[in-house]
């Protein structure tokens, strides 16, 4: 297989994965619904079908969820570190982010 075809397949796989991630993100952000794994597989495959993508397996969705979970953990770790550093910030007294965090109700 030549380099152009390899590159195309890599990009295509990445786009397919990002499409699934966006669909999963939308489903999981909806706090009015609780989805079991089989429900997520069905919903993702329905959405993929609407956009002309092929269906994926339960295993693919499981791997996508593992990836998203690891990404979320990394973001939480970075946020925790940033919050721990607030006291050292020279702009702490006039920081709009700190002000907004203090005013925002928990859970949002």
C-alpha atoms as a PDB file:
ATOM      1  CA  UNK A   1       0.000   0.000   0.000  1.00  0.00           C
ATOM      2  CA  UNK A   2       1.441   3.371  -0.909  1.00  0.00           C
ATOM      3  CA  UNK A   3       1.951   6.214   1.569  1.00  0.00           C
ATOM      4  CA  UNK A   4      -1.030   8.262   0.366  1.00  0.00           C
ATOM      5  CA  UNK A   5      -3.428   5.372   0.986  1.00  0.00           C
ATOM      6  CA  UNK A   6      -1.929   4.746   4.428  1.00  0.00           C
ATOM      7  CA  UNK A   7      -2.299   8.400   5.321  1.00  0.00           C
ATOM      8  CA  UNK A   8      -5.886   8.439   4.041  1.00  0.00           C
ATOM      9  CA  UNK A   9      -6.798   5.407   6.153  1.00  0.00           C
ATOM     10  CA  UNK A  10      -5.242   6.964   9.256  1.00  0.00           C
ATOM     11  CA  UNK A  11      -7.136  10.215   8.740  1.00  0.00           C
ATOM     12  CA  UNK A  12     -10.334   8.323   7.976  1.00  0.00           C
ATOM     13  CA  UNK A  13     -10.027   6.280  11.201  1.00  0.00           C
ATOM     14  CA  UNK A  14      -9.394   9.451  13.176  1.00  0.00           C
ATOM     15  CA  UNK A  15     -12.453  11.165  11.697  1.00  0.00           C
ATOM     16  CA  UNK A  16     -14.581   8.087  12.392  1.00  0.00           C
ATOM     17  CA  UNK A  17     -13.407   8.037  16.020  1.00  0.00           C
ATOM     18  CA  UNK A  18     -14.016  11.774  16.505  1.00  0.00           C
ATOM     19  CA  UNK A  19     -17.500  11.390  15.047  1.00  0.00           C
ATOM     20  CA  UNK A  20     -18.247   8.685  17.605  1.00  0.00           C
ATOM     21  CA  UNK A  21     -16.721  10.783  20.413  1.00  0.00           C
ATOM     22  CA  UNK A  22     -18.959  13.727  19.531  1.00  0.00           C
ATOM     23  CA  UNK A  23     -22.047  11.517  19.472  1.00  0.00           C
ATOM     24  CA  UNK A  24     -21.128   9.879  22.781  1.00  0.00           C
ATOM     25  CA  UNK A  25     -20.401  13.257  24.334  1.00  0.00           C
ATOM     26  CA  UNK A  26     -23.824  14.562  23.341  1.00  0.00           C
ATOM     27  CA  UNK A  27     -25.553  11.452  24.704  1.00  0.00           C
ATOM     28  CA  UNK A  28     -23.640  11.444  27.991  1.00  0.00           C
ATOM     29  CA  UNK A  29     -24.155  15.160  28.629  1.00  0.00           C
ATOM     30  CA  UNK A  30     -27.915  14.705  28.570  1.00  0.00           C
ATOM     31  CA  UNK A  31     -28.733  14.438  32.260  1.00  0.00           C
ATOM     32  CA  UNK A  32     -32.321  13.440  31.536  1.00  0.00           C
ATOM     33  CA  UNK A  33     -31.302  10.026  30.187  1.00  0.00           C
ATOM     34  CA  UNK A  34     -29.342   7.164  31.658  1.00  0.00           C
ATOM     35  CA  UNK A  35     -27.906   4.843  29.033  1.00  0.00           C
ATOM     36  CA  UNK A  36     -26.750   1.272  29.421  1.00  0.00           C
ATOM     37  CA  UNK A  37     -23.933   0.147  27.137  1.00  0.00           C
ATOM     38  CA  UNK A  38     -26.288  -1.560  24.682  1.00  0.00           C
ATOM     39  CA  UNK A  39     -28.378   1.634  24.528  1.00  0.00           C
ATOM     40  CA  UNK A  40     -25.272   3.672  23.739  1.00  0.00           C
ATOM     41  CA  UNK A  41     -24.265   1.257  20.991  1.00  0.00           C
ATOM     42  CA  UNK A  42     -27.725   1.512  19.431  1.00  0.00           C
ATOM     43  CA  UNK A  43     -27.870   5.315  19.689  1.00  0.00           C
ATOM     44  CA  UNK A  44     -24.347   5.770  18.302  1.00  0.00           C
ATOM     45  CA  UNK A  45     -25.044   3.413  15.407  1.00  0.00           C
ATOM     46  CA  UNK A  46     -28.315   5.203  14.645  1.00  0.00           C
ATOM     47  CA  UNK A  47     -26.510   8.547  14.534  1.00  0.00           C
ATOM     48  CA  UNK A  48     -23.631   7.146  12.485  1.00  0.00           C
ATOM     49  CA  UNK A  49     -26.116   5.729  10.002  1.00  0.00           C
ATOM     50  CA  UNK A  50     -27.723   9.158   9.586  1.00  0.00           C
ATOM     51  CA  UNK A  51     -24.334  10.555   8.548  1.00  0.00           C
ATOM     52  CA  UNK A  52     -23.463   7.671   6.255  1.00  0.00           C
ATOM     53  CA  UNK A  53     -20.945   5.971   8.537  1.00  0.00           C
ATOM     54  CA  UNK A  54     -20.785   2.221   9.098  1.00  0.00           C
ATOM     55  CA  UNK A  55     -22.078   0.705  12.330  1.00  0.00           C
ATOM     56  CA  UNK A  56     -19.600  -0.139  15.066  1.00  0.00           C
ATOM     57  CA  UNK A  57     -19.389  -2.944  17.576  1.00  0.00           C
ATOM     58  CA  UNK A  58     -20.041  -2.915  21.288  1.00  0.00           C
ATOM     59  CA  UNK A  59     -16.287  -3.390  21.787  1.00  0.00           C
ATOM     60  CA  UNK A  60     -15.552  -0.228  19.790  1.00  0.00           C
ATOM     61  CA  UNK A  61     -17.903   1.799  21.995  1.00  0.00           C
ATOM     62  CA  UNK A  62     -16.275   0.298  25.102  1.00  0.00           C
ATOM     63  CA  UNK A  63     -12.848   1.359  23.839  1.00  0.00           C
ATOM     64  CA  UNK A  64     -14.169   4.825  22.984  1.00  0.00           C
ATOM     65  CA  UNK A  65     -15.570   5.179  26.503  1.00  0.00           C
ATOM     66  CA  UNK A  66     -12.233   4.095  28.010  1.00  0.00           C
ATOM     67  CA  UNK A  67     -10.444   6.711  25.910  1.00  0.00           C
ATOM     68  CA  UNK A  68     -12.905   9.455  26.863  1.00  0.00           C
ATOM     69  CA  UNK A  69     -12.607   8.491  30.532  1.00  0.00           C
ATOM     70  CA  UNK A  70      -8.813   8.738  30.406  1.00  0.00           C
ATOM     71  CA  UNK A  71      -9.032  12.118  28.653  1.00  0.00           C
ATOM     72  CA  UNK A  72     -11.470  13.356  31.295  1.00  0.00           C
ATOM     73  CA  UNK A  73      -9.174  12.196  34.081  1.00  0.00           C
ATOM     74  CA  UNK A  74      -6.293  14.106  32.508  1.00  0.00           C
ATOM     75  CA  UNK A  75      -8.383  17.261  32.248  1.00  0.00           C
ATOM     76  CA  UNK A  76      -9.518  16.928  35.871  1.00  0.00           C
ATOM     77  CA  UNK A  77      -5.907  16.472  36.985  1.00  0.00           C
ATOM     78  CA  UNK A  78      -4.878  19.610  35.080  1.00  0.00           C
ATOM     79  CA  UNK A  79      -7.781  21.561  36.587  1.00  0.00           C
ATOM     80  CA  UNK A  80      -6.910  20.382  40.101  1.00  0.00           C
ATOM     81  CA  UNK A  81      -3.320  21.489  39.595  1.00  0.00           C
ATOM     82  CA  UNK A  82      -4.475  24.891  38.346  1.00  0.00           C
ATOM     83  CA  UNK A  83      -6.776  25.322  41.342  1.00  0.00           C
ATOM     84  CA  UNK A  84      -3.950  24.397  43.714  1.00  0.00           C
ATOM     85  CA  UNK A  85      -1.803  27.109  42.132  1.00  0.00           C
ATOM     86  CA  UNK A  86      -4.378  29.882  42.601  1.00  0.00           C
ATOM     87  CA  UNK A  87      -2.832  31.129  45.821  1.00  0.00           C
ATOM     88  CA  UNK A  88       0.484  31.688  44.025  1.00  0.00           C
ATOM     89  CA  UNK A  89      -1.004  33.719  41.195  1.00  0.00           C
ATOM     90  CA  UNK A  90      -0.027  37.415  41.306  1.00  0.00           C
ATOM     91  CA  UNK A  91      -3.392  38.335  39.736  1.00  0.00           C
ATOM     92  CA  UNK A  92      -5.457  36.384  42.267  1.00  0.00           C
ATOM     93  CA  UNK A  93      -7.290  39.402  43.703  1.00  0.00           C
ATOM     94  CA  UNK A  94      -8.646  40.502  40.316  1.00  0.00           C
ATOM     95  CA  UNK A  95      -9.065  37.074  38.704  1.00  0.00           C
ATOM     96  CA  UNK A  96     -12.417  36.744  36.895  1.00  0.00           C
ATOM     97  CA  UNK A  97     -12.109  32.940  36.820  1.00  0.00           C
ATOM     98  CA  UNK A  98     -11.821  32.674  40.608  1.00  0.00           C
ATOM     99  CA  UNK A  99     -14.710  35.089  41.021  1.00  0.00           C
ATOM    100  CA  UNK A 100     -16.903  33.048  38.676  1.00  0.00           C
ATOM    101  CA  UNK A 101     -15.935  29.764  40.352  1.00  0.00           C
ATOM    102  CA  UNK A 102     -16.913  31.148  43.742  1.00  0.00           C
ATOM    103  CA  UNK A 103     -20.304  32.363  42.467  1.00  0.00           C
ATOM    104  CA  UNK A 104     -21.187  29.237  40.479  1.00  0.00           C
ATOM    105  CA  UNK A 105     -23.352  26.676  42.295  1.00  0.00           C
ATOM    106  CA  UNK A 106     -21.804  23.247  42.812  1.00  0.00           C
ATOM    107  CA  UNK A 107     -22.579  20.677  40.158  1.00  0.00           C
ATOM    108  CA  UNK A 108     -22.499  23.025  37.175  1.00  0.00           C
END
